[in-house]
C-alpha atoms as a PDB file:
ATOM      1  CA  UNK A   1       7.789 -24.349  -0.817  1.00  0.00           C
ATOM      2  CA  UNK A   2       7.418 -20.858  -2.255  1.00  0.00           C
ATOM      3  CA  UNK A   3       8.377 -17.245  -1.776  1.00  0.00           C
ATOM      4  CA  UNK A   4       6.951 -13.801  -2.288  1.00  0.00           C
ATOM      5  CA  UNK A   5       9.838 -12.496  -4.383  1.00  0.00           C
ATOM      6  CA  UNK A   6      11.498 -13.899  -7.472  1.00  0.00           C
ATOM      7  CA  UNK A   7      11.161 -17.647  -7.772  1.00  0.00           C
ATOM      8  CA  UNK A   8       7.704 -19.145  -7.338  1.00  0.00           C
ATOM      9  CA  UNK A   9       7.586 -22.886  -6.670  1.00  0.00           C
ATOM     10  CA  UNK A  10       4.582 -25.079  -6.029  1.00  0.00           C
ATOM     11  CA  UNK A  11       6.228 -28.098  -4.448  1.00  0.00           C
ATOM     12  CA  UNK A  12       3.865 -30.283  -2.451  1.00  0.00           C
ATOM     13  CA  UNK A  13       5.045 -30.795   1.119  1.00  0.00           C
ATOM     14  CA  UNK A  14       4.238 -34.307   2.435  1.00  0.00           C
ATOM     15  CA  UNK A  15       1.551 -34.539   5.101  1.00  0.00           C
ATOM     16  CA  UNK A  16       3.035 -35.509   8.456  1.00  0.00           C
ATOM     17  CA  UNK A  17       0.234 -38.040   9.002  1.00  0.00           C
ATOM     18  CA  UNK A  18       1.155 -39.784   5.770  1.00  0.00           C
ATOM     19  CA  UNK A  19       4.759 -39.959   6.907  1.00  0.00           C
ATOM     20  CA  UNK A  20       3.675 -41.245  10.341  1.00  0.00           C
ATOM     21  CA  UNK A  21       1.831 -44.092   8.612  1.00  0.00           C
ATOM     22  CA  UNK A  22       5.209 -45.232   7.258  1.00  0.00           C
ATOM     23  CA  UNK A  23       6.883 -44.927  10.651  1.00  0.00           C
ATOM     24  CA  UNK A  24       4.785 -47.244  12.774  1.00  0.00           C
ATOM     25  CA  UNK A  25       7.466 -47.683  15.435  1.00  0.00           C
ATOM     26  CA  UNK A  26       8.593 -44.035  15.454  1.00  0.00           C
ATOM     27  CA  UNK A  27       5.570 -41.884  14.637  1.00  0.00           C
ATOM     28  CA  UNK A  28       6.752 -39.074  16.920  1.00  0.00           C
ATOM     29  CA  UNK A  29       9.811 -38.606  14.698  1.00  0.00           C
ATOM     30  CA  UNK A  30       7.805 -37.994  11.536  1.00  0.00           C
ATOM     31  CA  UNK A  31       8.099 -34.160  11.775  1.00  0.00           C
ATOM     32  CA  UNK A  32      11.874 -34.514  12.086  1.00  0.00           C
ATOM     33  CA  UNK A  33      12.035 -36.627   8.937  1.00  0.00           C
ATOM     34  CA  UNK A  34       9.937 -34.095   7.028  1.00  0.00           C
ATOM     35  CA  UNK A  35      11.977 -31.163   8.354  1.00  0.00           C
ATOM     36  CA  UNK A  36      15.254 -32.737   7.274  1.00  0.00           C
ATOM     37  CA  UNK A  37      13.856 -33.634   3.851  1.00  0.00           C
ATOM     38  CA  UNK A  38      12.648 -30.071   3.252  1.00  0.00           C
ATOM     39  CA  UNK A  39      15.960 -28.536   4.306  1.00  0.00           C
ATOM     40  CA  UNK A  40      17.917 -30.896   2.061  1.00  0.00           C
ATOM     41  CA  UNK A  41      15.584 -29.991  -0.775  1.00  0.00           C
ATOM     42  CA  UNK A  42      15.956 -26.221  -0.462  1.00  0.00           C
ATOM     43  CA  UNK A  43      19.740 -26.649  -0.583  1.00  0.00           C
ATOM     44  CA  UNK A  44      19.382 -28.732  -3.730  1.00  0.00           C
ATOM     45  CA  UNK A  45      16.935 -26.241  -5.242  1.00  0.00           C
ATOM     46  CA  UNK A  46      19.365 -23.370  -4.593  1.00  0.00           C
ATOM     47  CA  UNK A  47      21.993 -25.268  -6.599  1.00  0.00           C
ATOM     48  CA  UNK A  48      19.532 -26.047  -9.389  1.00  0.00           C
ATOM     49  CA  UNK A  49      18.510 -22.386  -9.659  1.00  0.00           C
ATOM     50  CA  UNK A  50      22.019 -21.346 -10.653  1.00  0.00           C
ATOM     51  CA  UNK A  51      22.408 -24.228 -13.104  1.00  0.00           C
ATOM     52  CA  UNK A  52      19.048 -23.696 -14.821  1.00  0.00           C
ATOM     53  CA  UNK A  53      19.442 -19.910 -15.037  1.00  0.00           C
ATOM     54  CA  UNK A  54      22.891 -20.330 -16.600  1.00  0.00           C
ATOM     55  CA  UNK A  55      21.493 -22.739 -19.203  1.00  0.00           C
ATOM     56  CA  UNK A  56      18.832 -20.247 -20.295  1.00  0.00           C
ATOM     57  CA  UNK A  57      20.521 -16.871 -19.747  1.00  0.00           C
ATOM     58  CA  UNK A  58      23.993 -15.416 -20.284  1.00  0.00           C
ATOM     59  CA  UNK A  59      24.629 -15.256 -16.539  1.00  0.00           C
ATOM     60  CA  UNK A  60      27.030 -17.068 -14.203  1.00  0.00           C
ATOM     61  CA  UNK A  61      25.943 -19.349 -11.360  1.00  0.00           C
ATOM     62  CA  UNK A  62      27.780 -17.257  -8.719  1.00  0.00           C
ATOM     63  CA  UNK A  63      25.878 -14.143  -9.859  1.00  0.00           C
ATOM     64  CA  UNK A  64      22.570 -15.958  -9.417  1.00  0.00           C
ATOM     65  CA  UNK A  65      23.502 -17.502  -6.082  1.00  0.00           C
ATOM     66  CA  UNK A  66      24.416 -14.114  -4.649  1.00  0.00           C
ATOM     67  CA  UNK A  67      20.718 -13.159  -4.905  1.00  0.00           C
ATOM     68  CA  UNK A  68      19.422 -16.301  -3.155  1.00  0.00           C
ATOM     69  CA  UNK A  69      18.132 -16.427   0.407  1.00  0.00           C
ATOM     70  CA  UNK A  70      17.191 -19.671   2.165  1.00  0.00           C
ATOM     71  CA  UNK A  71      14.745 -20.075   5.027  1.00  0.00           C
ATOM     72  CA  UNK A  72      15.027 -23.480   6.648  1.00  0.00           C
ATOM     73  CA  UNK A  73      12.122 -25.485   7.989  1.00  0.00           C
ATOM     74  CA  UNK A  74      11.796 -25.936  11.757  1.00  0.00           C
ATOM     75  CA  UNK A  75       9.842 -28.428  13.840  1.00  0.00           C
ATOM     76  CA  UNK A  76       7.186 -25.779  14.443  1.00  0.00           C
ATOM     77  CA  UNK A  77       7.102 -24.537  10.857  1.00  0.00           C
ATOM     78  CA  UNK A  78       7.614 -27.220   8.210  1.00  0.00           C
ATOM     79  CA  UNK A  79       8.117 -24.681   5.443  1.00  0.00           C
ATOM     80  CA  UNK A  80      11.273 -24.134   3.433  1.00  0.00           C
ATOM     81  CA  UNK A  81      11.785 -21.034   1.313  1.00  0.00           C
ATOM     82  CA  UNK A  82      14.174 -20.277  -1.533  1.00  0.00           C
ATOM     83  CA  UNK A  83      13.946 -16.657  -2.642  1.00  0.00           C
ATOM     84  CA  UNK A  84      15.865 -14.623  -5.187  1.00  0.00           C
ATOM     85  CA  UNK A  85      16.112 -10.987  -4.145  1.00  0.00           C
ATOM     86  CA  UNK A  86      18.041  -8.195  -5.812  1.00  0.00           C
ATOM     87  CA  UNK A  87      16.728  -4.736  -6.701  1.00  0.00           C
ATOM     88  CA  UNK A  88      19.608  -3.991  -9.060  1.00  0.00           C
ATOM     89  CA  UNK A  89      19.348  -4.808 -12.742  1.00  0.00           C
ATOM     90  CA  UNK A  90      22.590  -5.923 -14.427  1.00  0.00           C
ATOM     91  CA  UNK A  91      24.007  -3.620 -17.094  1.00  0.00           C
ATOM     92  CA  UNK A  92      23.102  -4.788 -20.586  1.00  0.00           C
ATOM     93  CA  UNK A  93      26.710  -4.368 -21.698  1.00  0.00           C
ATOM     94  CA  UNK A  94      27.631  -7.323 -19.471  1.00  0.00           C
ATOM     95  CA  UNK A  95      25.655  -9.639 -21.739  1.00  0.00           C
ATOM     96  CA  UNK A  96      25.914 -10.314 -25.492  1.00  0.00           C
ATOM     97  CA  UNK A  97      26.301  -6.997 -27.315  1.00  0.00           C
ATOM     98  CA  UNK A  98      27.291  -6.670 -30.990  1.00  0.00           C
ATOM     99  CA  UNK A  99      29.576  -4.940 -31.730  1.00  0.00           C
ATOM    100  CA  UNK A 100      31.107  -4.936 -28.246  1.00  0.00           C
ATOM    101  CA  UNK A 101      33.965  -2.521 -28.731  1.00  0.00           C
ATOM    102  CA  UNK A 102      33.840   1.265 -28.382  1.00  0.00           C
ATOM    103  CA  UNK A 103      33.674   2.849 -31.841  1.00  0.00           C
ATOM    104  CA  UNK A 104      36.038   5.787 -32.348  1.00  0.00           C
ATOM    105  CA  UNK A 105      35.612   8.645 -34.827  1.00  0.00           C
ATOM    106  CA  UNK A 106      37.937   6.849 -37.208  1.00  0.00           C
ATOM    107  CA  UNK A 107      35.934   3.606 -37.144  1.00  0.00           C
ATOM    108  CA  UNK A 108      33.036   2.825 -39.416  1.00  0.00           C
ATOM    109  CA  UNK A 109      29.848   3.063 -37.378  1.00  0.00           C
ATOM    110  CA  UNK A 110      27.539   0.043 -37.452  1.00  0.00           C
ATOM    111  CA  UNK A 111      24.008   0.509 -38.762  1.00  0.00           C
ATOM    112  CA  UNK A 112      22.784  -0.410 -35.292  1.00  0.00           C
ATOM    113  CA  UNK A 113      23.838  -2.335 -32.200  1.00  0.00           C
ATOM    114  CA  UNK A 114      22.175  -5.564 -31.099  1.00  0.00           C
ATOM    115  CA  UNK A 115      21.977  -7.364 -27.774  1.00  0.00           C
ATOM    116  CA  UNK A 116      20.545 -10.416 -26.055  1.00  0.00           C
ATOM    117  CA  UNK A 117      20.498 -11.755 -22.507  1.00  0.00           C
ATOM    118  CA  UNK A 118      19.116 -15.233 -23.272  1.00  0.00           C
ATOM    119  CA  UNK A 119      20.969 -18.092 -24.904  1.00  0.00           C
ATOM    120  CA  UNK A 120      19.794 -19.637 -28.155  1.00  0.00           C
ATOM    121  CA  UNK A 121      17.698 -16.623 -29.193  1.00  0.00           C
ATOM    122  CA  UNK A 122      18.269 -14.011 -31.871  1.00  0.00           C
ATOM    123  CA  UNK A 123      19.830 -10.724 -30.844  1.00  0.00           C
ATOM    124  CA  UNK A 124      17.468  -7.753 -30.650  1.00  0.00           C
ATOM    125  CA  UNK A 125      18.332  -4.729 -32.756  1.00  0.00           C
ATOM    126  CA  UNK A 126      18.552  -1.645 -30.531  1.00  0.00           C
ATOM    127  CA  UNK A 127      17.121   0.842 -33.008  1.00  0.00           C
ATOM    128  CA  UNK A 128      15.576   3.259 -30.492  1.00  0.00           C
ATOM    129  CA  UNK A 129      12.181   4.979 -30.770  1.00  0.00           C
ATOM    130  CA  UNK A 130      10.608   8.428 -30.863  1.00  0.00           C
ATOM    131  CA  UNK A 131      11.944   9.205 -27.378  1.00  0.00           C
ATOM    132  CA  UNK A 132      15.401   7.616 -27.641  1.00  0.00           C
ATOM    133  CA  UNK A 133      18.168   7.352 -30.196  1.00  0.00           C
ATOM    134  CA  UNK A 134      19.742   4.183 -31.517  1.00  0.00           C
ATOM    135  CA  UNK A 135      21.864   2.507 -28.863  1.00  0.00           C
ATOM    136  CA  UNK A 136      25.630   2.745 -28.929  1.00  0.00           C
ATOM    137  CA  UNK A 137      28.595   1.576 -26.858  1.00  0.00           C
ATOM    138  CA  UNK A 138      30.544   4.370 -25.158  1.00  0.00           C
ATOM    139  CA  UNK A 139      33.268   4.829 -22.595  1.00  0.00           C
ATOM    140  CA  UNK A 140      32.654   7.456 -19.920  1.00  0.00           C
ATOM    141  CA  UNK A 141      35.338   9.753 -18.494  1.00  0.00           C
ATOM    142  CA  UNK A 142      35.299   7.562 -15.383  1.00  0.00           C
ATOM    143  CA  UNK A 143      36.391   4.617 -17.527  1.00  0.00           C
ATOM    144  CA  UNK A 144      32.975   2.920 -17.314  1.00  0.00           C
ATOM    145  CA  UNK A 145      31.886   1.257 -20.552  1.00  0.00           C
ATOM    146  CA  UNK A 146      28.232   0.628 -21.247  1.00  0.00           C
ATOM    147  CA  UNK A 147      25.592   0.678 -23.944  1.00  0.00           C
ATOM    148  CA  UNK A 148      23.568   3.887 -24.019  1.00  0.00           C
ATOM    149  CA  UNK A 149      20.801   5.761 -25.807  1.00  0.00           C
ATOM    150  CA  UNK A 150      20.355   9.506 -26.123  1.00  0.00           C
ATOM    151  CA  UNK A 151      17.071  10.849 -24.746  1.00  0.00           C
ATOM    152  CA  UNK A 152      15.370  12.934 -27.421  1.00  0.00           C
ATOM    153  CA  UNK A 153      14.469  16.480 -26.433  1.00  0.00           C
ATOM    154  CA  UNK A 154      16.725  16.665 -23.376  1.00  0.00           C
ATOM    155  CA  UNK A 155      19.876  18.695 -22.919  1.00  0.00           C
ATOM    156  CA  UNK A 156      22.769  17.922 -20.593  1.00  0.00           C
ATOM    157  CA  UNK A 157      25.399  20.273 -19.176  1.00  0.00           C
ATOM    158  CA  UNK A 158      27.598  19.558 -22.197  1.00  0.00           C
ATOM    159  CA  UNK A 159      24.887  20.778 -24.545  1.00  0.00           C
ATOM    160  CA  UNK A 160      24.197  17.279 -25.813  1.00  0.00           C
ATOM    161  CA  UNK A 161      21.143  15.143 -25.168  1.00  0.00           C
ATOM    162  CA  UNK A 162      21.167  13.205 -21.884  1.00  0.00           C
ATOM    163  CA  UNK A 163      22.348   9.621 -21.952  1.00  0.00           C
ATOM    164  CA  UNK A 164      20.427   6.654 -20.538  1.00  0.00           C
ATOM    165  CA  UNK A 165      22.300   3.412 -19.950  1.00  0.00           C
ATOM    166  CA  UNK A 166      20.521   0.195 -20.884  1.00  0.00           C
ATOM    167  CA  UNK A 167      20.013  -2.614 -18.369  1.00  0.00           C
ATOM    168  CA  UNK A 168      18.789  -6.186 -18.597  1.00  0.00           C
ATOM    169  CA  UNK A 169      15.952  -7.765 -16.632  1.00  0.00           C
ATOM    170  CA  UNK A 170      16.769  -8.471 -12.987  1.00  0.00           C
ATOM    171  CA  UNK A 171      18.172 -11.829 -11.878  1.00  0.00           C
ATOM    172  CA  UNK A 172      15.018 -12.591  -9.810  1.00  0.00           C
ATOM    173  CA  UNK A 173      12.969 -12.072 -12.993  1.00  0.00           C
ATOM    174  CA  UNK A 174      15.250 -14.469 -14.862  1.00  0.00           C
ATOM    175  CA  UNK A 175      14.891 -17.040 -12.081  1.00  0.00           C
ATOM    176  CA  UNK A 176      11.102 -16.850 -11.971  1.00  0.00           C
ATOM    177  CA  UNK A 177      10.683 -16.994 -15.746  1.00  0.00           C
ATOM    178  CA  UNK A 178       8.654 -19.987 -16.864  1.00  0.00           C
ATOM    179  CA  UNK A 179      11.459 -21.795 -18.693  1.00  0.00           C
ATOM    180  CA  UNK A 180      13.687 -21.682 -15.586  1.00  0.00           C
ATOM    181  CA  UNK A 181      11.160 -22.088 -12.758  1.00  0.00           C
ATOM    182  CA  UNK A 182       9.334 -25.028 -14.364  1.00  0.00           C
ATOM    183  CA  UNK A 183      12.488 -27.138 -14.552  1.00  0.00           C
ATOM    184  CA  UNK A 184      13.476 -26.273 -10.990  1.00  0.00           C
ATOM    185  CA  UNK A 185      10.006 -27.131  -9.709  1.00  0.00           C
ATOM    186  CA  UNK A 186       9.971 -30.524 -11.401  1.00  0.00           C
ATOM    187  CA  UNK A 187      13.421 -31.422 -10.087  1.00  0.00           C
ATOM    188  CA  UNK A 188      12.618 -30.070  -6.618  1.00  0.00           C
ATOM    189  CA  UNK A 189       9.443 -32.134  -6.316  1.00  0.00           C
ATOM    190  CA  UNK A 190      11.209 -35.324  -7.390  1.00  0.00           C
ATOM    191  CA  UNK A 191      14.118 -34.668  -5.028  1.00  0.00           C
ATOM    192  CA  UNK A 192      11.833 -33.958  -2.050  1.00  0.00           C
ATOM    193  CA  UNK A 193       9.802 -37.124  -2.513  1.00  0.00           C
ATOM    194  CA  UNK A 194      12.953 -39.245  -2.639  1.00  0.00           C
ATOM    195  CA  UNK A 195      14.503 -37.365   0.280  1.00  0.00           C
ATOM    196  CA  UNK A 196      11.477 -38.002   2.508  1.00  0.00           C
ATOM    197  CA  UNK A 197      11.978 -41.727   2.058  1.00  0.00           C
ATOM    198  CA  UNK A 198      15.697 -41.353   2.765  1.00  0.00           C
ATOM    199  CA  UNK A 199      15.018 -39.437   5.988  1.00  0.00           C
ATOM    200  CA  UNK A 200      12.374 -41.919   7.137  1.00  0.00           C
ATOM    201  CA  UNK A 201      14.918 -44.719   6.881  1.00  0.00           C
ATOM    202  CA  UNK A 202      17.609 -42.608   8.550  1.00  0.00           C
ATOM    203  CA  UNK A 203      15.422 -41.549  11.487  1.00  0.00           C
ATOM    204  CA  UNK A 204      14.238 -45.113  12.023  1.00  0.00           C
ATOM    205  CA  UNK A 205      17.835 -46.342  12.009  1.00  0.00           C
ATOM    206  CA  UNK A 206      17.383 -48.305   8.809  1.00  0.00           C
ATOM    207  CA  UNK A 207      20.186 -46.488   7.025  1.00  0.00           C
END
């Protein structure tokens, strides 16, 4: 149960022959039991993805779920896929930024701004480099607020150096990170194994 984008899971799909061995009186229904178990599992995995990502990153479950795509297993193709796909990277300002407010000319400017997208980690100081200035929070004429850096050596129409807004890693990258994907994989494997047994009993009329 894997995908080519975002989340990568190595969940072992049960062999139909092994399931048939448990369904002596209904061997022909083994593929159906496996199919149902896989489809129940991908639904569960899609829920776990949002929960695990929220525990590790400063992101909401609905934001994660919006990137998820499910491919259900069929009788001909006993493969279920959960993929996280989104080319857009969230704006860094939407995460933990300190200080968060726009600094006016009258305000004392901070030595530097800091930001983080993960929970339970130290904020990273956005001190810039040889090509970019220190980061700062600013409000554009459009009303958009973000955290920006000035690009050294450039010149915009206003005579000032061009601005570059800062973004976080993409949601698919958050989802496929080791600390998120490992937990999802472990839970998914356990759920699938239990669900196969549930579907065997259901198909055989034992439940």
